[in-house]
Protein backbone atom coordinates (compact mmCIF):
# COMPACT_ATOMS: atom_id res chain seq x y z
CA MET A 1 -22.46 1.62 9.59
CA LEU A 2 -18.75 1.47 8.85
CA ASP A 3 -16.42 4.49 8.75
CA THR A 4 -13.50 4.90 6.37
CA GLU A 5 -10.06 5.98 7.56
CA GLN A 6 -6.90 6.82 5.62
CA ILE A 7 -3.68 5.25 6.93
CA SER A 8 -0.12 4.80 5.68
CA CYS A 9 1.17 1.27 5.33
CA PRO A 10 4.10 0.77 7.75
CA TYR A 11 5.94 -1.25 5.08
CA CYS A 12 5.50 0.53 1.71
CA TRP A 13 4.24 3.89 3.09
CA GLU A 14 1.41 4.03 0.54
CA SER A 15 -1.81 5.66 1.69
CA ILE A 16 -4.67 3.16 1.89
CA GLU A 17 -8.29 3.39 2.98
CA ILE A 18 -9.64 0.97 5.58
CA LEU A 19 -13.11 0.35 6.98
CA VAL A 20 -13.63 0.71 10.74
CA ASP A 21 -16.64 -0.44 12.77
CA PRO A 22 -17.26 2.47 15.21
CA SER A 23 -19.65 0.35 17.33
CA VAL A 24 -16.64 -1.53 18.83
CA ASP A 25 -14.59 0.60 21.26
CA GLU A 26 -11.27 -1.28 20.96
CA GLN A 27 -10.12 -3.45 18.08
CA ASP A 28 -6.89 -5.32 17.33
CA TYR A 29 -6.73 -7.15 14.01
CA ILE A 30 -4.47 -7.93 11.05
CA GLU A 31 -5.28 -7.09 7.45
CA ASP A 32 -3.04 -7.21 4.38
CA CYS A 33 -1.98 -3.99 2.66
CA GLU A 34 -3.83 -3.68 -0.64
CA VAL A 35 -0.66 -2.30 -2.29
CA CYS A 36 2.24 -4.48 -1.05
CA CYS A 37 0.21 -7.37 0.45
CA ARG A 38 2.18 -7.38 3.73
CA PRO A 39 0.25 -7.96 6.98
CA ILE A 40 -0.60 -4.79 8.94
CA ARG A 41 -1.65 -4.92 12.59
CA PHE A 42 -4.38 -2.37 13.27
CA LEU A 43 -5.06 -1.04 16.75
CA VAL A 44 -8.32 0.89 16.64
CA ARG A 45 -9.83 2.91 19.48
CA VAL A 46 -13.18 4.67 19.31
CA GLU A 47 -13.98 7.51 21.73
CA GLY A 48 -17.35 9.08 21.01
CA ASP A 49 -17.21 10.38 17.44
CA ASP A 50 -13.40 10.15 17.29
CA VAL A 51 -11.65 7.15 15.74
CA TYR A 52 -7.93 6.55 16.33
CA VAL A 53 -6.08 4.03 14.15
CA GLU A 54 -2.53 2.81 14.63
CA ALA A 55 -0.99 0.82 11.78
CA LEU A 56 1.93 -1.35 12.87
CA HIS A 57 4.14 -4.11 11.56
CA GLU A 58 2.55 -7.51 12.16
CA ASP A 59 4.92 -8.40 15.05
CA ASP A 60 4.81 -5.02 16.85
């Protein structure tokens, strides 16, 4: 089952909802912002029931 998380785009600062797979402890992937279409690098860490998401510029 996927979880949803709210993040702010590091380019346009709009709040967007992303899907996170909590069965994978560490994730690093790029997905385009649904508002401004710029590439966001997501660093996701899952610790038990807690999900931590960092949204960065593509080259950070």
